[in-house]
């Protein structure tokens, strides 16, 4: 009996992205390109440590008080307070009114997990809506906490553009008080964001139904090189929604500071505006903070310290902050350059179809429109690796491989077109 106790455990398929990485590493072909990994690479295809990070690490390590002691349960205050200013803005009314609770998290994934646990306990029986498509891990994070998920319309595959009409209809059709996960900028996986006027329509529709918003902010500053521009949706959301509903913000510093493996992030909860005495706000903040502390303590005890200290040093030291802004421009500019290069090469090859959507998107990824069959052929025939949805990581392109990638895409598109004739 005891020997068979685990015999019914189901084997799950390997994580798609890490499975791609494994196949790529085993591929013996001399020319191969990994467009699956969601991490910035320099022109030589190598990981890039930001100059601001190198300087910050030196200052952190040379500080006479430097140590490896535990942080407080809710994280490093220098990080959480400055992170809130980065996403909400220095002049944020919510900060001025002391309506923001901020805790450190294990990057953006950890922040989403905190949101999921909080919703499961304090906002039960509400359906949570995710864009179609969305980052694959979104579903797992919320479903493992018992939160019921559904999808809202987002990507129009025929036009390779935002399905705004379907998006708004999904919001209207959802039961009042539902929860919507919104990508703050650089939507993953499509790279397609609503423009400012569309954000106004989306957030007005959410407000009209008393829905609750969770902003997933993984690419602020990385998408456009401008922190304020990339925070537009979040700040507009607070303006339109926080009069009656709480707003959740899940913030990652993996991409925009390049601290991928250090798992630096923050979870922010913006409380609704209070009509009665400020003592009520203090009471709510104290209660919510205590619940967040219990969740963090029971799962990770304390958040990681080293990456938090590096990020906090960058956010709180003017000359490092200035260098960080330059670093984000460096990354976003190179990615935009590679978007244009890939599009131009496909146009030059007269590859069937339209490819302007590649430059109309932003951030790390592009939803190319390539089918799973094309993706499979890209890997088998050309050693170009990407996920089956056709999403590519633009950061994996450089001047040395973009010709190969463009020619490979051209071949698989033409092959598919020829096959469909029979």
Protein backbone atom coordinates (compact mmCIF):
# COMPACT_ATOMS: atom_id res chain seq x y z
CA UNK A 1 0.00 0.00 0.00
CA UNK A 2 2.66 2.54 1.02
CA UNK A 3 4.73 1.84 -2.10
CA UNK A 4 1.79 2.85 -4.33
CA UNK A 5 0.83 5.99 -2.43
CA UNK A 6 2.18 8.37 -5.11
CA UNK A 7 1.43 6.23 -8.14
CA UNK A 8 -1.52 8.38 -9.18
CA UNK A 9 0.46 11.63 -9.38
CA UNK A 10 -0.06 13.01 -12.86
CA UNK A 11 2.96 14.00 -14.90
CA UNK A 12 2.52 17.49 -16.31
CA UNK A 13 4.06 18.76 -19.57
CA UNK A 14 7.29 20.72 -19.29
CA UNK A 15 7.09 24.50 -19.08
CA UNK A 16 7.02 25.67 -22.71
CA UNK A 17 9.66 28.39 -22.42
CA UNK A 18 12.16 26.38 -20.42
CA UNK A 19 11.60 23.40 -22.70
CA UNK A 20 12.53 25.60 -25.67
CA UNK A 21 15.70 26.65 -23.87
CA UNK A 22 16.66 23.02 -23.31
CA UNK A 23 16.05 22.06 -26.94
CA UNK A 24 18.00 25.10 -28.10
CA UNK A 25 21.01 24.27 -25.92
CA UNK A 26 21.13 20.72 -27.32
CA UNK A 27 20.85 21.82 -30.96
CA UNK A 28 24.27 21.16 -32.61
CA UNK A 29 23.68 23.47 -35.57
CA UNK A 30 26.20 26.30 -35.83
CA UNK A 31 23.62 28.95 -36.70
CA UNK A 32 20.71 28.96 -34.27
CA UNK A 33 18.58 31.70 -32.73
CA UNK A 34 16.62 31.70 -29.48
CA UNK A 35 13.61 34.01 -29.73
CA UNK A 36 11.76 32.41 -26.84
CA UNK A 37 13.55 33.76 -23.79
CA UNK A 38 11.98 36.85 -22.24
CA UNK A 39 15.20 38.57 -21.25
CA UNK A 40 17.16 41.44 -22.78
CA UNK A 41 20.23 40.59 -24.81
CA UNK A 42 22.85 42.96 -26.18
CA UNK A 43 23.98 43.24 -29.79
CA UNK A 44 26.20 40.19 -29.28
CA UNK A 45 23.35 38.11 -27.92
CA UNK A 46 24.71 38.22 -24.38
CA UNK A 47 23.04 39.16 -21.07
CA UNK A 48 23.65 42.84 -20.25
CA UNK A 49 24.32 44.12 -16.75
CA UNK A 50 23.09 47.71 -16.70
CA UNK A 51 25.79 50.32 -15.92
CA UNK A 52 23.49 51.70 -13.20
CA UNK A 53 23.36 48.23 -11.63
CA UNK A 54 27.15 47.83 -11.67
CA UNK A 55 27.54 51.20 -9.93
CA UNK A 56 24.79 50.45 -7.44
CA UNK A 57 26.28 47.07 -6.54
CA UNK A 58 29.61 48.72 -5.81
CA UNK A 59 27.99 51.29 -3.51
CA UNK A 60 25.94 48.64 -1.73
CA UNK A 61 28.93 46.39 -1.10
CA UNK A 62 31.20 49.25 0.00
CA UNK A 63 28.67 50.57 2.52
CA UNK A 64 30.15 50.07 6.03
CA UNK A 65 26.76 48.78 7.22
CA UNK A 66 26.50 46.19 4.43
CA UNK A 67 25.39 42.77 5.70
CA UNK A 68 23.24 39.78 4.87
CA UNK A 69 20.73 40.11 7.70
CA UNK A 70 17.01 39.50 7.25
CA UNK A 71 14.80 42.24 5.94
CA UNK A 72 11.52 43.02 7.67
CA UNK A 73 8.59 40.83 6.65
CA UNK A 74 7.18 43.49 4.30
CA UNK A 75 10.54 44.13 2.66
CA UNK A 76 13.00 46.98 2.34
CA UNK A 77 11.21 50.31 2.96
CA UNK A 78 13.61 52.24 0.74
CA UNK A 79 12.62 49.97 -2.13
CA UNK A 80 8.86 49.86 -1.54
CA UNK A 81 8.44 53.61 -0.99
CA UNK A 82 10.49 54.60 -4.03
CA UNK A 83 8.90 51.88 -6.17
CA UNK A 84 5.49 53.34 -5.35
CA UNK A 85 6.65 56.77 -6.53
CA UNK A 86 8.00 55.26 -9.76
CA UNK A 87 4.70 53.63 -10.70
CA UNK A 88 2.26 56.16 -9.21
CA UNK A 89 4.22 59.36 -9.79
CA UNK A 90 5.86 61.75 -7.35
CA UNK A 91 2.71 63.89 -7.24
CA UNK A 92 0.29 60.98 -6.84
CA UNK A 93 -2.88 61.98 -4.93
CA UNK A 94 -3.09 58.43 -3.57
CA UNK A 95 0.37 58.78 -2.03
CA UNK A 96 -0.42 62.26 -0.73
CA UNK A 97 -3.59 60.89 0.90
CA UNK A 98 -1.66 57.96 2.38
CA UNK A 99 -3.92 55.41 0.66
CA UNK A 100 -1.16 53.12 -0.63
CA UNK A 101 0.08 49.93 1.03
CA UNK A 102 3.34 48.63 -0.45
CA UNK A 103 5.19 45.40 0.29
CA UNK A 104 8.13 43.69 -1.36
CA UNK A 105 7.51 40.59 -3.44
CA UNK A 106 9.34 37.90 -5.37
CA UNK A 107 9.35 39.97 -8.56
CA UNK A 108 6.12 40.39 -10.52
CA UNK A 109 5.14 36.73 -10.21
CA UNK A 110 5.29 36.97 -6.44
CA UNK A 111 3.26 40.17 -6.48
CA UNK A 112 0.58 38.45 -8.56
CA UNK A 113 0.62 35.54 -6.14
CA UNK A 114 0.01 37.91 -3.22
CA UNK A 115 -2.87 39.44 -5.17
CA UNK A 116 -4.30 35.98 -5.83
CA UNK A 117 -4.12 34.97 -2.17
CA UNK A 118 -5.68 38.25 -1.06
CA UNK A 119 -8.51 37.94 -3.57
CA UNK A 120 -9.13 34.32 -2.66
CA UNK A 121 -9.53 35.24 1.02
CA UNK A 122 -11.15 38.68 0.98
CA UNK A 123 -12.84 38.94 -2.43
CA UNK A 124 -14.13 35.39 -2.92
CA UNK A 125 -16.56 34.17 -5.55
CA UNK A 126 -15.59 36.85 -8.05
CA UNK A 127 -14.50 35.90 -11.54
CA UNK A 128 -11.10 37.17 -12.60
CA UNK A 129 -10.69 38.05 -16.29
CA UNK A 130 -7.46 37.67 -18.24
CA UNK A 131 -6.79 38.94 -21.73
CA UNK A 132 -6.93 36.52 -24.65
CA UNK A 133 -4.04 35.86 -25.04
CA UNK A 134 -2.07 36.60 -21.89
CA UNK A 135 1.13 35.52 -20.19
CA UNK A 136 0.62 31.79 -19.70
CA UNK A 137 1.58 31.88 -16.01
CA UNK A 138 -1.29 34.26 -15.22
CA UNK A 139 -3.82 31.41 -15.36
CA UNK A 140 -1.75 29.11 -13.15
CA UNK A 141 -1.07 31.77 -10.50
CA UNK A 142 -4.73 32.57 -9.91
CA UNK A 143 -6.18 29.12 -10.48
CA UNK A 144 -3.85 27.50 -7.93
CA UNK A 145 -5.31 29.88 -5.34
CA UNK A 146 -8.85 28.81 -6.21
CA UNK A 147 -9.72 31.99 -8.12
CA UNK A 148 -12.11 31.36 -11.00
CA UNK A 149 -10.70 32.76 -14.25
CA UNK A 150 -12.24 33.73 -17.57
CA UNK A 151 -10.95 35.59 -20.63
CA UNK A 152 -11.72 38.91 -22.25
CA UNK A 153 -11.27 39.74 -25.92
CA UNK A 154 -8.00 41.44 -26.80
CA UNK A 155 -6.14 40.34 -29.95
CA UNK A 156 -7.75 40.34 -33.39
CA UNK A 157 -5.78 37.72 -35.31
CA UNK A 158 -7.22 38.76 -38.67
CA UNK A 159 -6.11 42.37 -38.45
CA UNK A 160 -3.24 41.83 -35.98
CA UNK A 161 -4.61 44.70 -33.94
CA UNK A 162 -6.54 45.37 -30.74
CA UNK A 163 -10.10 44.05 -30.69
CA UNK A 164 -11.37 47.13 -28.84
CA UNK A 165 -15.03 46.42 -29.52
CA UNK A 166 -14.73 42.89 -28.18
CA UNK A 167 -12.67 44.14 -25.22
CA UNK A 168 -15.33 46.66 -24.20
CA UNK A 169 -18.10 44.12 -24.71
CA UNK A 170 -16.29 41.64 -22.45
CA UNK A 171 -16.15 44.29 -19.72
CA UNK A 172 -19.85 45.06 -20.11
CA UNK A 173 -20.85 41.39 -20.10
CA UNK A 174 -18.90 40.52 -16.94
CA UNK A 175 -20.88 40.45 -13.68
CA UNK A 176 -20.61 43.68 -11.68
CA UNK A 177 -17.62 43.70 -9.38
CA UNK A 178 -15.54 41.26 -11.42
CA UNK A 179 -11.75 41.52 -11.47
CA UNK A 180 -9.75 42.43 -14.57
CA UNK A 181 -6.01 41.88 -14.94
CA UNK A 182 -4.65 44.68 -17.13
CA UNK A 183 -1.17 44.79 -18.63
CA UNK A 184 0.14 48.26 -17.76
CA UNK A 185 2.32 48.43 -20.89
CA UNK A 186 4.13 46.17 -23.37
CA UNK A 187 1.38 43.55 -23.31
CA UNK A 188 2.75 40.03 -23.03
CA UNK A 189 2.62 38.17 -25.39
CA UNK A 190 1.32 40.47 -28.14
CA UNK A 191 3.39 43.63 -27.59
CA UNK A 192 0.19 45.48 -28.48
CA UNK A 193 -1.06 48.19 -26.12
CA UNK A 194 -4.20 50.32 -26.23
CA UNK A 195 -3.50 53.95 -27.07
CA UNK A 196 -4.38 56.65 -24.55
CA UNK A 197 -7.86 57.26 -25.92
CA UNK A 198 -8.57 53.53 -25.90
CA UNK A 199 -7.36 53.30 -22.29
CA UNK A 200 -9.86 56.01 -21.40
CA UNK A 201 -12.68 53.98 -22.94
CA UNK A 202 -11.52 50.75 -21.29
CA UNK A 203 -11.20 52.24 -17.81
CA UNK A 204 -14.50 54.11 -18.09
CA UNK A 205 -16.18 50.81 -18.96
CA UNK A 206 -14.53 49.10 -15.98
CA UNK A 207 -15.64 51.93 -13.67
CA UNK A 208 -19.23 51.75 -14.95
CA UNK A 209 -19.43 48.11 -13.85
CA UNK A 210 -17.68 48.56 -10.49
CA UNK A 211 -15.00 46.12 -11.59
CA UNK A 212 -11.70 45.84 -9.74
CA UNK A 213 -8.43 46.30 -11.66
CA UNK A 214 -5.12 44.53 -11.20
CA UNK A 215 -2.36 46.24 -13.13
CA UNK A 216 0.52 43.95 -14.01
CA UNK A 217 3.49 46.27 -14.56
CA UNK A 218 6.47 44.23 -15.74
CA UNK A 219 7.94 46.61 -18.34
CA UNK A 220 7.67 50.20 -17.08
CA UNK A 221 10.46 52.19 -18.74
CA UNK A 222 11.52 49.16 -20.74
CA UNK A 223 8.67 49.51 -23.23
CA UNK A 224 9.29 53.09 -24.38
CA UNK A 225 12.29 54.26 -22.37
CA UNK A 226 9.99 56.69 -20.54
CA UNK A 227 8.76 55.75 -17.05
CA UNK A 228 5.90 58.26 -17.07
CA UNK A 229 4.64 57.26 -20.50
CA UNK A 230 4.63 53.59 -19.55
CA UNK A 231 2.72 54.33 -16.32
CA UNK A 232 -0.09 56.18 -18.12
CA UNK A 233 -2.68 53.42 -17.77
CA UNK A 234 -1.96 52.82 -14.09
CA UNK A 235 -2.21 56.49 -13.16
CA UNK A 236 -5.35 56.99 -15.23
CA UNK A 237 -6.82 53.90 -13.61
CA UNK A 238 -6.26 55.31 -10.13
CA UNK A 239 -7.88 58.56 -11.19
CA UNK A 240 -10.96 56.81 -12.60
CA UNK A 241 -11.35 53.77 -10.35
CA UNK A 242 -10.03 54.39 -6.86
CA UNK A 243 -12.98 56.53 -5.76
CA UNK A 244 -14.94 53.37 -5.00
CA UNK A 245 -12.71 50.31 -5.51
CA UNK A 246 -9.28 49.15 -4.41
CA UNK A 247 -6.63 48.87 -7.12
CA UNK A 248 -3.92 46.20 -7.15
CA UNK A 249 -0.53 46.87 -8.75
CA UNK A 250 2.01 44.11 -9.33
CA UNK A 251 5.40 45.60 -10.14
CA UNK A 252 8.54 43.86 -11.38
CA UNK A 253 12.10 45.14 -11.69
CA UNK A 254 13.32 42.09 -13.62
CA UNK A 255 13.17 43.70 -17.06
CA UNK A 256 13.66 47.43 -16.52
CA UNK A 257 16.63 47.05 -14.14
CA UNK A 258 17.74 43.70 -15.52
CA UNK A 259 17.58 41.99 -12.12
CA UNK A 260 16.00 38.83 -13.54
CA UNK A 261 17.45 36.30 -11.12
CA UNK A 262 17.33 38.55 -8.07
CA UNK A 263 13.49 38.47 -8.06
CA UNK A 264 12.88 42.10 -7.08
CA UNK A 265 9.30 43.32 -7.13
CA UNK A 266 6.58 45.08 -5.17
CA UNK A 267 2.90 44.63 -4.52
CA UNK A 268 0.90 47.82 -4.05
CA UNK A 269 -2.71 48.11 -2.91
CA UNK A 270 -4.33 51.50 -3.47
CA UNK A 271 -7.25 51.86 -1.08
CA UNK A 272 -10.48 53.55 -2.14
CA UNK A 273 -10.99 57.17 -1.14
CA UNK A 274 -12.64 57.41 2.27
CA UNK A 275 -15.59 59.70 2.89
CA UNK A 276 -15.47 59.49 6.67
CA UNK A 277 -12.77 60.23 9.24
CA UNK A 278 -9.12 59.57 8.43
CA UNK A 279 -9.00 57.27 11.44
CA UNK A 280 -10.99 54.79 9.38
CA UNK A 281 -8.29 54.82 6.70
CA UNK A 282 -5.61 54.18 9.32
CA UNK A 283 -7.62 51.25 10.67
CA UNK A 284 -8.06 49.74 7.19
CA UNK A 285 -4.36 50.15 6.35
CA UNK A 286 -3.33 48.53 9.60
CA UNK A 287 -5.65 45.58 9.09
CA UNK A 288 -4.70 45.02 5.43
CA UNK A 289 -0.98 45.35 6.19
CA UNK A 290 -1.27 42.76 8.94
CA UNK A 291 -2.92 40.31 6.54
CA UNK A 292 -0.25 40.85 3.88
CA UNK A 293 2.45 40.31 6.50
CA UNK A 294 0.88 37.01 7.51
CA UNK A 295 0.77 35.84 3.89
CA UNK A 296 4.41 36.77 3.27
CA UNK A 297 5.61 35.32 6.57
CA UNK A 298 3.88 31.99 5.99
CA UNK A 299 5.32 31.55 2.51
CA UNK A 300 8.75 33.17 2.17
CA UNK A 301 9.33 34.48 5.73
CA UNK A 302 11.35 37.42 4.38
CA UNK A 303 11.93 38.77 0.90
CA UNK A 304 15.42 38.51 -0.67
CA UNK A 305 17.68 41.37 0.40
CA UNK A 306 20.51 41.75 -2.11
CA UNK A 307 18.58 42.63 -5.23
CA UNK A 308 16.28 44.85 -3.20
CA UNK A 309 19.26 46.83 -1.92
CA UNK A 310 20.62 47.26 -5.44
CA UNK A 311 17.27 48.39 -6.84
CA UNK A 312 16.66 50.70 -3.89
CA UNK A 313 20.06 52.29 -4.34
CA UNK A 314 19.26 53.04 -7.97
CA UNK A 315 15.83 54.47 -7.17
CA UNK A 316 17.07 56.62 -4.27
CA UNK A 317 20.41 57.95 -5.61
CA UNK A 318 19.95 60.79 -8.14
CA UNK A 319 23.01 60.12 -10.32
CA UNK A 320 22.18 56.38 -10.45
CA UNK A 321 18.56 57.15 -11.27
CA UNK A 322 19.75 59.33 -14.13
CA UNK A 323 22.01 56.57 -15.42
CA UNK A 324 19.14 54.07 -15.11
CA UNK A 325 16.97 56.29 -17.31
CA UNK A 326 19.74 56.23 -19.93
CA UNK A 327 20.02 52.45 -19.61
CA UNK A 328 16.31 52.00 -20.28
CA UNK A 329 16.59 54.18 -23.38
CA UNK A 330 19.53 52.03 -24.53
CA UNK A 331 17.46 48.85 -24.21
CA UNK A 332 14.21 50.16 -25.67
CA UNK A 333 16.03 51.86 -28.57
CA UNK A 334 17.89 48.69 -29.56
CA UNK A 335 14.66 46.69 -29.46
CA UNK A 336 12.85 49.27 -31.60
CA UNK A 337 15.74 49.20 -34.05
CA UNK A 338 15.46 45.41 -34.36
CA UNK A 339 11.69 45.64 -34.86
CA UNK A 340 12.23 47.95 -37.80
CA UNK A 341 15.05 45.82 -39.17
CA UNK A 342 12.99 42.61 -39.14
CA UNK A 343 9.98 44.31 -40.69
CA UNK A 344 12.09 45.96 -43.39
CA UNK A 345 13.83 42.71 -44.31
CA UNK A 346 10.52 40.86 -44.61
CA UNK A 347 9.17 43.63 -46.84
CA UNK A 348 12.34 43.51 -48.92
CA UNK A 349 11.95 39.75 -49.34
CA UNK A 350 8.31 40.34 -50.38
CA UNK A 351 7.24 37.85 -47.74
CA UNK A 352 3.51 37.18 -48.18
CA UNK A 353 1.34 39.04 -45.70
CA UNK A 354 1.69 42.35 -43.89
CA UNK A 355 4.35 42.97 -41.26
CA UNK A 356 3.81 46.53 -40.07
CA UNK A 357 2.31 45.19 -36.84
CA UNK A 358 5.85 44.28 -35.75
CA UNK A 359 6.81 47.96 -35.49
CA UNK A 360 3.40 48.97 -34.19
CA UNK A 361 3.93 46.80 -31.12
CA UNK A 362 6.28 47.62 -28.24
CA UNK A 363 8.37 46.08 -25.51
CA UNK A 364 10.05 42.70 -25.39
CA UNK A 365 7.69 40.69 -27.57
CA UNK A 366 5.98 40.63 -30.93
CA UNK A 367 2.97 38.51 -31.82
CA UNK A 368 4.01 37.72 -35.37
CA UNK A 369 0.93 35.86 -36.58
CA UNK A 370 2.98 32.78 -37.44
CA UNK A 371 1.04 29.53 -37.01
CA UNK A 372 2.15 26.58 -34.82
CA UNK A 373 3.07 24.65 -38.00
CA UNK A 374 5.28 27.52 -39.15
CA UNK A 375 6.91 27.72 -35.73
CA UNK A 376 7.64 23.99 -35.82
CA UNK A 377 9.24 24.34 -39.27
CA UNK A 378 11.29 27.33 -38.14
CA UNK A 379 12.84 25.13 -35.46
CA UNK A 380 13.29 21.95 -37.46
CA UNK A 381 14.54 23.50 -40.69
CA UNK A 382 16.17 26.76 -39.60
CA UNK A 383 17.11 26.41 -35.90
CA UNK A 384 14.99 29.43 -35.02
CA UNK A 385 13.26 28.81 -31.70
CA UNK A 386 10.08 30.48 -30.45
CA UNK A 387 6.85 29.55 -28.69
CA UNK A 388 4.08 27.86 -30.66
CA UNK A 389 1.83 30.96 -30.51
CA UNK A 390 4.22 32.76 -32.86
CA UNK A 391 5.39 35.16 -30.16
CA UNK A 392 9.01 36.17 -30.57
CA UNK A 393 11.35 37.94 -28.20
CA UNK A 394 12.64 40.91 -30.17
CA UNK A 395 15.55 41.15 -27.71
CA UNK A 396 16.89 37.92 -29.19
CA UNK A 397 17.45 39.62 -32.54
CA UNK A 398 20.66 41.40 -33.48
CA UNK A 399 22.47 42.56 -36.61
CA UNK A 400 24.21 39.18 -36.81
CA UNK A 401 21.07 37.02 -36.92
CA UNK A 402 18.18 39.14 -38.18
CA UNK A 403 18.91 38.25 -41.84
CA UNK A 404 18.77 34.54 -41.00
CA UNK A 405 15.53 34.98 -39.06
CA UNK A 406 13.86 37.03 -41.81
CA UNK A 407 14.81 34.51 -44.49
CA UNK A 408 13.62 31.66 -42.28
CA UNK A 409 10.25 33.35 -41.71
CA UNK A 410 9.97 34.04 -45.44
CA UNK A 411 10.61 30.37 -46.23
CA UNK A 412 8.07 28.96 -43.77
CA UNK A 413 5.39 31.45 -44.82
CA UNK A 414 5.90 30.59 -48.50
CA UNK A 415 6.00 26.87 -47.70
CA UNK A 416 2.70 27.15 -45.84
CA UNK A 417 1.16 29.09 -48.72
CA UNK A 418 2.31 26.48 -51.23
CA UNK A 419 1.01 23.62 -49.09
CA UNK A 420 -2.42 25.20 -48.72
CA UNK A 421 -2.90 25.17 -52.50
CA UNK A 422 -3.13 21.39 -52.59
